[in-house]
Protein backbone atom coordinates (compact mmCIF):
# COMPACT_ATOMS: atom_id res chain seq x y z
CA UNK A 1 5.90 -18.68 16.16
CA UNK A 2 5.48 -21.96 14.91
CA UNK A 3 2.25 -22.74 12.90
CA UNK A 4 -0.73 -23.57 14.23
CA UNK A 5 -3.95 -25.66 13.63
CA UNK A 6 -6.60 -23.56 12.46
CA UNK A 7 -10.45 -24.75 11.75
CA UNK A 8 -12.85 -22.97 9.80
CA UNK A 9 -16.48 -22.99 9.85
CA UNK A 10 -17.77 -21.87 7.00
CA UNK A 11 -16.06 -22.45 3.37
CA UNK A 12 -17.87 -19.53 1.51
CA UNK A 13 -15.52 -16.68 0.06
CA UNK A 14 -14.65 -15.38 3.87
CA UNK A 15 -14.07 -18.61 4.71
CA UNK A 16 -11.44 -19.25 1.88
CA UNK A 17 -10.13 -15.77 1.95
CA UNK A 18 -9.00 -17.03 5.84
CA UNK A 19 -7.67 -19.93 4.55
CA UNK A 20 -5.71 -18.42 2.07
CA UNK A 21 -3.95 -16.20 4.31
CA UNK A 22 -3.27 -18.37 6.82
CA UNK A 23 -1.65 -21.21 4.66
CA UNK A 24 0.54 -18.31 3.48
CA UNK A 25 1.89 -18.00 6.89
CA UNK A 26 2.85 -21.62 8.12
CA UNK A 27 -0.36 -22.61 9.68
CA UNK A 28 -2.36 -26.05 8.98
CA UNK A 29 -5.28 -25.53 7.70
CA UNK A 30 -9.19 -27.19 7.71
CA UNK A 31 -12.33 -25.70 6.44
CA UNK A 32 -15.43 -27.75 7.88
CA UNK A 33 -18.84 -27.07 5.65
CA UNK A 34 -21.86 -28.84 4.98
CA UNK A 35 -21.50 -28.32 1.28
CA UNK A 36 -17.71 -27.40 0.01
CA UNK A 37 -18.60 -26.93 -3.56
CA UNK A 38 -22.38 -26.23 -3.34
CA UNK A 39 -24.37 -23.30 -4.14
CA UNK A 40 -24.01 -20.66 -1.38
CA UNK A 41 -24.46 -16.49 -1.43
CA UNK A 42 -20.83 -16.62 -2.29
CA UNK A 43 -21.77 -18.46 -5.89
CA UNK A 44 -24.66 -16.32 -6.18
CA UNK A 45 -23.91 -12.52 -5.19
CA UNK A 46 -23.73 -9.46 -7.93
CA UNK A 47 -19.79 -10.07 -8.44
CA UNK A 48 -19.39 -5.95 -7.37
CA UNK A 49 -16.16 -5.11 -5.45
CA UNK A 50 -17.79 -2.44 -3.72
CA UNK A 51 -15.22 -0.54 -2.31
CA UNK A 52 -17.74 2.67 -2.15
CA UNK A 53 -20.25 1.01 -0.62
CA UNK A 54 -19.44 2.87 3.01
CA UNK A 55 -22.71 4.13 4.23
CA UNK A 56 -24.46 1.48 6.98
CA UNK A 57 -27.89 0.42 5.51
CA UNK A 58 -29.30 2.31 8.43
CA UNK A 59 -28.59 5.88 7.66
CA UNK A 60 -31.34 8.72 8.86
CA UNK A 61 -34.48 8.37 6.74
CA UNK A 62 -34.40 4.48 6.04
CA UNK A 63 -37.34 3.78 8.20
CA UNK A 64 -39.61 6.56 6.40
CA UNK A 65 -38.68 4.95 3.36
CA UNK A 66 -39.71 1.64 3.95
CA UNK A 67 -43.63 1.42 3.72
CA UNK A 68 -43.41 2.42 1.13
CA UNK A 69 -41.38 -0.69 -0.05
CA UNK A 70 -43.20 -2.90 1.77
CA UNK A 71 -46.07 -2.18 0.00
CA UNK A 72 -44.85 -1.38 -3.04
CA UNK A 73 -44.19 -5.54 -5.51
CA UNK A 74 -41.42 -4.69 -7.28
CA UNK A 75 -39.91 -2.35 -4.39
CA UNK A 76 -36.75 -3.51 -2.60
CA UNK A 77 -37.68 -4.88 0.68
CA UNK A 78 -40.12 -7.97 1.68
CA UNK A 79 -40.59 -9.35 5.42
CA UNK A 80 -41.93 -12.64 5.58
CA UNK A 81 -44.72 -11.47 8.68
CA UNK A 82 -44.61 -15.08 10.56
CA UNK A 83 -40.64 -14.08 10.92
CA UNK A 84 -41.38 -10.52 12.48
CA UNK A 85 -41.30 -11.51 16.53
CA UNK A 86 -38.07 -13.48 16.00
CA UNK A 87 -37.22 -9.63 13.92
CA UNK A 88 -37.82 -6.98 16.62
CA UNK A 89 -34.53 -7.28 18.23
CA UNK A 90 -32.65 -6.95 14.99
CA UNK A 91 -35.28 -4.04 14.23
CA UNK A 92 -35.07 -1.89 17.30
CA UNK A 93 -31.11 -2.31 16.60
CA UNK A 94 -31.50 -1.17 13.69
CA UNK A 95 -33.38 1.39 14.69
CA UNK A 96 -30.85 2.78 17.31
CA UNK A 97 -28.13 2.90 14.38
CA UNK A 98 -30.07 5.13 12.18
CA UNK A 99 -29.08 8.58 13.86
CA UNK A 100 -26.34 10.50 12.19
CA UNK A 101 -23.85 9.91 15.40
CA UNK A 102 -24.17 5.94 14.57
CA UNK A 103 -24.38 6.29 10.83
CA UNK A 104 -21.11 8.64 10.92
CA UNK A 105 -19.76 5.99 13.05
CA UNK A 106 -20.74 2.72 11.12
CA UNK A 107 -19.25 4.81 7.82
CA UNK A 108 -15.69 5.47 9.62
CA UNK A 109 -15.83 1.96 10.45
CA UNK A 110 -16.62 0.56 6.66
CA UNK A 111 -14.29 2.25 5.10
CA UNK A 112 -11.51 1.15 7.34
CA UNK A 113 -12.52 -1.87 5.32
CA UNK A 114 -12.98 -1.19 1.92
CA UNK A 115 -10.35 1.12 2.12
CA UNK A 116 -7.83 -1.72 2.40
CA UNK A 117 -9.44 -3.75 0.01
CA UNK A 118 -7.09 -3.78 -2.85
CA UNK A 119 -4.33 -4.01 -0.92
CA UNK A 120 -5.20 -7.24 0.36
CA UNK A 121 -7.49 -8.14 -2.78
CA UNK A 122 -5.02 -7.94 -5.47
CA UNK A 123 -2.13 -10.01 -3.95
CA UNK A 124 -4.65 -12.47 -2.96
CA UNK A 125 -5.97 -13.32 -6.63
CA UNK A 126 -2.51 -12.70 -7.92
CA UNK A 127 -1.39 -15.88 -5.53
CA UNK A 128 -3.77 -18.18 -6.71
CA UNK A 129 -3.38 -17.19 -10.60
CA UNK A 130 -6.96 -15.40 -10.65
CA UNK A 131 -5.68 -11.67 -11.35
CA UNK A 132 -7.70 -12.48 -14.84
CA UNK A 133 -10.62 -12.12 -12.83
CA UNK A 134 -10.79 -8.61 -11.40
CA UNK A 135 -12.07 -5.90 -13.97
CA UNK A 136 -11.20 -2.60 -13.14
CA UNK A 137 -14.14 -0.88 -14.99
CA UNK A 138 -15.70 1.29 -11.86
CA UNK A 139 -19.31 1.28 -11.83
CA UNK A 140 -22.46 3.98 -12.19
CA UNK A 141 -25.22 5.00 -9.79
CA UNK A 142 -28.23 5.83 -12.01
CA UNK A 143 -31.12 8.08 -11.28
CA UNK A 144 -34.26 8.25 -12.67
CA UNK A 145 -34.92 11.97 -11.12
CA UNK A 146 -33.22 15.31 -10.30
CA UNK A 147 -34.80 14.71 -6.58
CA UNK A 148 -33.59 11.50 -5.68
CA UNK A 149 -30.43 12.61 -6.97
CA UNK A 150 -30.11 15.52 -4.78
CA UNK A 151 -31.66 13.61 -1.76
CA UNK A 152 -28.41 11.65 -1.67
CA UNK A 153 -25.85 14.43 -2.11
CA UNK A 154 -25.32 14.49 1.54
CA UNK A 155 -23.70 9.95 1.00
CA UNK A 156 -22.19 10.88 -1.99
CA UNK A 157 -19.85 13.70 -0.24
CA UNK A 158 -19.54 11.56 2.95
CA UNK A 159 -18.11 8.63 0.71
CA UNK A 160 -15.65 11.43 -0.68
CA UNK A 161 -14.45 11.81 2.59
CA UNK A 162 -13.68 8.80 3.44
CA UNK A 163 -11.42 8.57 -0.32
CA UNK A 164 -14.07 7.66 -2.69
CA UNK A 165 -14.28 9.37 -6.14
CA UNK A 166 -17.53 10.09 -6.80
CA UNK A 167 -18.09 11.94 -10.28
CA UNK A 168 -22.24 13.64 -11.10
CA UNK A 169 -22.72 12.98 -14.49
CA UNK A 170 -25.91 14.08 -16.69
CA UNK A 171 -28.44 11.70 -17.76
CA UNK A 172 -26.70 12.16 -21.45
CA UNK A 173 -23.36 11.80 -20.13
CA UNK A 174 -24.56 8.24 -18.20
CA UNK A 175 -25.23 7.17 -21.73
CA UNK A 176 -22.53 7.90 -23.56
CA UNK A 177 -20.62 5.35 -21.24
CA UNK A 178 -23.25 2.97 -21.18
CA UNK A 179 -25.53 3.36 -24.39
CA UNK A 180 -27.69 0.42 -23.53
CA UNK A 181 -29.88 2.62 -20.73
CA UNK A 182 -32.39 4.27 -21.65
CA UNK A 183 -34.28 8.24 -21.37
CA UNK A 184 -35.57 7.25 -17.73
CA UNK A 185 -32.03 7.91 -16.38
CA UNK A 186 -31.60 11.58 -15.68
CA UNK A 187 -28.62 12.13 -13.61
CA UNK A 188 -25.55 9.23 -12.18
CA UNK A 189 -22.82 9.04 -10.00
CA UNK A 190 -19.52 7.30 -11.65
CA UNK A 191 -17.03 5.42 -8.78
CA UNK A 192 -13.99 4.51 -10.54
CA UNK A 193 -12.56 2.49 -7.43
CA UNK A 194 -15.34 -0.21 -8.07
CA UNK A 195 -14.74 -3.44 -9.75
CA UNK A 196 -16.53 -6.96 -10.91
CA UNK A 197 -15.06 -10.00 -10.99
CA UNK A 198 -16.14 -12.20 -14.18
CA UNK A 199 -17.78 -14.51 -12.14
CA UNK A 200 -18.44 -15.42 -8.55
CA UNK A 201 -19.32 -18.94 -9.16
CA UNK A 202 -15.74 -19.71 -11.23
CA UNK A 203 -14.18 -17.46 -8.53
CA UNK A 204 -15.09 -19.35 -5.50
CA UNK A 205 -14.52 -22.83 -7.67
CA UNK A 206 -10.94 -21.86 -8.30
CA UNK A 207 -9.88 -20.63 -5.18
CA UNK A 208 -11.08 -23.33 -3.26
CA UNK A 209 -9.08 -25.55 -6.02
CA UNK A 210 -5.87 -23.53 -5.85
CA UNK A 211 -6.19 -23.41 -1.70
CA UNK A 212 -6.38 -27.21 -1.06
CA UNK A 213 -3.26 -27.67 -3.68
CA UNK A 214 -1.32 -25.35 -1.34
CA UNK A 215 -2.14 -27.55 1.77
CA UNK A 216 -6.20 -26.70 2.96
CA UNK A 217 -7.77 -29.71 4.11
CA UNK A 218 -11.84 -29.61 3.27
CA UNK A 219 -13.97 -31.50 5.94
CA UNK A 220 -17.40 -32.31 4.56
CA UNK A 221 -20.17 -31.74 7.54
CA UNK A 222 -22.98 -29.63 9.83
CA UNK A 223 -21.15 -27.68 12.66
CA UNK A 224 -23.77 -27.99 15.56
CA UNK A 225 -21.96 -26.45 18.35
CA UNK A 226 -18.39 -25.47 20.17
CA UNK A 227 -16.86 -26.91 23.49
CA UNK A 228 -13.53 -24.78 23.99
CA UNK A 229 -11.54 -25.57 26.78
CA UNK A 230 -8.04 -24.37 27.61
CA UNK A 231 -6.09 -25.81 24.99
CA UNK A 232 -8.42 -26.73 22.50
CA UNK A 233 -11.47 -26.12 20.99
CA UNK A 234 -13.89 -28.94 19.94
CA UNK A 235 -16.83 -28.34 17.15
CA UNK A 236 -19.41 -30.82 17.34
CA UNK A 237 -20.95 -32.00 13.98
CA UNK A 238 -24.03 -33.82 13.03
CA UNK A 239 -22.73 -35.89 10.73
CA UNK A 240 -18.16 -35.77 10.73
CA UNK A 241 -18.01 -36.78 13.97
CA UNK A 242 -15.74 -34.11 16.69
CA UNK A 243 -13.63 -32.51 15.08
CA UNK A 244 -10.58 -30.18 17.20
CA UNK A 245 -8.12 -27.27 16.30
CA UNK A 246 -6.24 -25.26 18.69
CA UNK A 247 -7.89 -22.13 17.20
CA UNK A 248 -11.65 -22.15 15.34
CA UNK A 249 -12.67 -19.37 12.88
CA UNK A 250 -16.84 -18.61 13.11
CA UNK A 251 -16.99 -18.06 9.13
CA UNK A 252 -20.23 -19.55 8.45
CA UNK A 253 -22.25 -16.56 7.01
CA UNK A 254 -26.05 -16.42 8.06
CA UNK A 255 -25.62 -19.50 10.22
CA UNK A 256 -23.42 -17.79 12.60
CA UNK A 257 -25.27 -17.19 15.01
CA UNK A 258 -26.32 -19.83 16.49
CA UNK A 259 -22.73 -21.38 16.22
CA UNK A 260 -21.54 -18.19 18.51
CA UNK A 261 -24.85 -18.68 20.67
CA UNK A 262 -22.99 -22.18 21.45
CA UNK A 263 -20.28 -20.16 23.41
CA UNK A 264 -22.21 -17.70 24.97
CA UNK A 265 -21.82 -14.67 22.39
CA UNK A 266 -25.11 -12.91 21.78
CA UNK A 267 -25.46 -11.88 17.86
CA UNK A 268 -27.97 -9.77 16.09
CA UNK A 269 -27.81 -11.65 12.83
CA UNK A 270 -29.94 -11.81 10.51
CA UNK A 271 -30.79 -13.65 6.90
CA UNK A 272 -30.98 -10.81 4.70
CA UNK A 273 -32.23 -12.91 1.90
CA UNK A 274 -31.26 -11.98 -2.01
CA UNK A 275 -32.51 -12.59 -5.38
CA UNK A 276 -30.92 -12.51 -8.50
CA UNK A 277 -31.59 -13.80 -12.37
CA UNK A 278 -28.93 -14.01 -14.78
CA UNK A 279 -29.89 -13.83 -18.47
CA UNK A 280 -26.90 -15.43 -21.01
CA UNK A 281 -28.23 -13.64 -23.96
CA UNK A 282 -29.30 -10.28 -22.74
CA UNK A 283 -29.03 -8.67 -26.05
CA UNK A 284 -27.51 -5.23 -24.75
CA UNK A 285 -24.08 -4.64 -23.69
CA UNK A 286 -22.60 -3.27 -20.38
CA UNK A 287 -19.08 -2.46 -19.64
CA UNK A 288 -19.50 -2.12 -15.84
CA UNK A 289 -21.76 -2.28 -12.99
CA UNK A 290 -24.86 -0.44 -12.81
CA UNK A 291 -26.48 0.37 -9.73
CA UNK A 292 -30.37 1.72 -9.57
CA UNK A 293 -30.43 3.76 -6.94
CA UNK A 294 -33.82 4.47 -6.40
CA UNK A 295 -35.05 1.02 -6.58
CA UNK A 296 -31.95 -0.65 -4.44
CA UNK A 297 -31.02 -3.46 -7.12
CA UNK A 298 -27.86 -3.64 -9.66
CA UNK A 299 -27.06 -5.31 -13.14
CA UNK A 300 -23.28 -6.72 -13.14
CA UNK A 301 -22.18 -7.80 -17.13
CA UNK A 302 -20.63 -11.47 -16.29
CA UNK A 303 -18.94 -14.21 -17.96
CA UNK A 304 -22.41 -16.38 -17.38
CA UNK A 305 -24.49 -13.70 -18.83
CA UNK A 306 -25.77 -10.18 -17.24
CA UNK A 307 -26.72 -10.86 -13.79
CA UNK A 308 -29.88 -8.50 -12.32
CA UNK A 309 -29.73 -8.66 -8.51
CA UNK A 310 -30.97 -7.17 -4.91
CA UNK A 311 -33.65 -7.19 -3.15
CA UNK A 312 -33.61 -7.68 0.93
CA UNK A 313 -36.33 -10.58 2.25
CA UNK A 314 -36.18 -10.46 6.42
CA UNK A 315 -38.17 -14.66 6.38
CA UNK A 316 -35.28 -16.46 8.40
CA UNK A 317 -32.84 -19.17 6.98
CA UNK A 318 -35.80 -21.94 6.83
CA UNK A 319 -38.57 -19.94 4.52
CA UNK A 320 -38.53 -21.47 0.95
CA UNK A 321 -37.57 -18.72 -1.94
CA UNK A 322 -40.32 -16.21 -3.60
CA UNK A 323 -38.68 -16.08 -7.32
CA UNK A 324 -41.18 -13.36 -8.02
CA UNK A 325 -38.75 -11.09 -6.51
CA UNK A 326 -36.24 -12.24 -8.88
CA UNK A 327 -39.02 -11.83 -11.55
CA UNK A 328 -40.01 -8.35 -10.17
CA UNK A 329 -36.19 -7.19 -10.65
CA UNK A 330 -35.97 -7.94 -14.44
CA UNK A 331 -38.78 -6.11 -14.83
CA UNK A 332 -37.65 -3.10 -13.21
CA UNK A 333 -34.41 -3.33 -15.22
CA UNK A 334 -36.21 -2.97 -18.59
CA UNK A 335 -37.02 0.46 -17.18
CA UNK A 336 -33.76 0.84 -18.09
CA UNK A 337 -32.76 -1.05 -20.47
CA UNK A 338 -35.13 -1.26 -23.38
CA UNK A 339 -34.20 -3.41 -25.40
CA UNK A 340 -33.21 -6.01 -22.70
CA UNK A 341 -34.01 -9.57 -23.75
CA UNK A 342 -35.66 -11.17 -20.54
CA UNK A 343 -35.75 -14.94 -22.06
CA UNK A 344 -33.78 -17.39 -20.90
CA UNK A 345 -33.20 -15.78 -17.30
CA UNK A 346 -31.39 -18.41 -14.12
CA UNK A 347 -32.67 -17.32 -11.15
CA UNK A 348 -30.98 -17.61 -7.64
CA UNK A 349 -31.95 -16.82 -4.67
CA UNK A 350 -29.17 -16.93 -1.05
CA UNK A 351 -28.89 -15.57 2.18
CA UNK A 352 -26.88 -12.53 3.12
CA UNK A 353 -25.86 -12.59 6.67
CA UNK A 354 -27.00 -9.12 7.82
CA UNK A 355 -25.81 -7.21 11.39
CA UNK A 356 -28.02 -4.41 12.50
CA UNK A 357 -25.82 -1.67 11.80
CA UNK A 358 -24.20 -3.18 8.88
CA UNK A 359 -20.39 -3.99 10.46
CA UNK A 360 -19.29 -7.32 10.23
CA UNK A 361 -18.11 -9.06 13.23
CA UNK A 362 -14.23 -9.73 13.37
CA UNK A 363 -12.33 -10.48 16.26
CA UNK A 364 -11.97 -13.25 19.34
CA UNK A 365 -14.95 -13.73 21.26
CA UNK A 366 -14.56 -12.59 24.82
CA UNK A 367 -16.08 -16.26 25.91
CA UNK A 368 -12.76 -17.82 24.34
CA UNK A 369 -9.91 -16.70 23.11
CA UNK A 370 -9.15 -19.52 20.67
CA UNK A 371 -12.43 -18.74 19.28
CA UNK A 372 -12.25 -16.40 16.43
CA UNK A 373 -15.75 -14.50 14.86
CA UNK A 374 -15.53 -13.21 10.72
CA UNK A 375 -18.60 -12.92 9.81
CA UNK A 376 -21.89 -10.40 9.07
CA UNK A 377 -20.79 -9.18 6.03
CA UNK A 378 -23.86 -8.21 4.50
CA UNK A 379 -23.59 -7.30 0.93
CA UNK A 380 -20.11 -6.81 1.12
CA UNK A 381 -18.84 -10.22 1.72
CA UNK A 382 -16.71 -10.43 -1.71
CA UNK A 383 -15.40 -7.26 -1.27
CA UNK A 384 -14.07 -7.77 2.76
CA UNK A 385 -13.13 -10.85 2.13
CA UNK A 386 -9.57 -10.86 1.66
CA UNK A 387 -9.07 -7.69 4.74
CA UNK A 388 -11.32 -10.14 6.70
CA UNK A 389 -8.69 -12.89 5.59
CA UNK A 390 -5.76 -10.88 6.58
CA UNK A 391 -7.42 -9.82 10.21
CA UNK A 392 -8.05 -12.98 11.06
CA UNK A 393 -4.44 -14.45 10.05
CA UNK A 394 -3.05 -11.11 12.04
CA UNK A 395 -5.07 -12.70 15.30
CA UNK A 396 -3.68 -15.85 15.36
CA UNK A 397 -0.36 -14.54 14.67
CA UNK A 398 -0.91 -12.69 18.30
CA UNK A 399 0.19 -9.71 15.28
CA UNK A 400 -1.28 -5.98 15.78
CA UNK A 401 -4.18 -6.13 12.70
CA UNK A 402 -3.87 -3.44 10.34
CA UNK A 403 -7.49 -2.45 10.79
CA UNK A 404 -9.01 -1.68 14.70
CA UNK A 405 -11.49 -4.36 15.26
CA UNK A 406 -13.17 -2.23 18.35
CA UNK A 407 -16.15 -1.62 16.26
CA UNK A 408 -16.09 -5.11 15.01
CA UNK A 409 -16.59 -7.02 17.96
CA UNK A 410 -19.03 -9.10 18.94
CA UNK A 411 -19.36 -7.33 22.64
CA UNK A 412 -21.39 -4.37 20.87
CA UNK A 413 -24.89 -6.65 20.74
């Protein structure tokens, strides 16, 4: 078939991955983004290729932990109470997704994406000269107590059922792998299929540069709505005029929900704000990403320093960041890394696009088949970007996608 004219709304890592695949198949591709080179979740994430993360956040038993997390000033969860009324529909669906049946369904769907990660990511990096940005060092999930380790045994077994290698370790074995870990670590699980990138910001910028050289057009502007017709879709903007294309892909991260709503698609999508601190000279060395299982945060050795990130804050897109959350994560990290130097850290905050069942929204709109959704990846945007790009390209080409897209349909809401 002849190449099509495709407009992608959103220039984060998902949008760039879609552009990569479409350009490779001969399509004419434009990205619309309000700040193409600016700060975003694709810049500030922890950098992990988290193929082992196939368990939805709404796993059974999570609700029992929520009150304790909210009361703990160093806990992984916070809610801006003014935002709570608008959050209620999302929370009700989250509760529904926390049954064991729904958790198993979600895990199967997430695994169908994550198990393809390297099949799609490695060729994308190589095609854009970025293969050296990936470090296949695995990861360690560490535990303070035997009780917490045993409580998670079922989730590790479920990961194994989906093809993830998970090696149980003692605290001493974990410290042999990562000597910077202190005595607080009693147990650990090694996941060798995990990897991390040198620096998410560098990766995004280099990929954008490469795609521009390959023919990508980038327009600076803010989308405010979509107007589809039988032959095209017009994207209305606040500052770049109307833009028309044969196909439009919504890949605007946490801002995607309101765009989908302009064509009648109801989406339960929330901003799950994340925080981190990057310490250029941390005084310790890590060989791989460390996941602190009980505290729900991570530490990643990047080329720009040690990035300590995590937390989940629900407060909407307009709330100002509370950087006490970044400081809290560094304080927690000191418990695990006794020799960590805390000074000269750069704090950051960004919006993760979160669905209540942890599944992204990928597929055609039932309202107009010229609109394709590609958003809601939560913590797994970097992990699932290349595969999402391939799936969107398959849809535009009229090919059968390599992954069953039914679980990711917008109609599930």
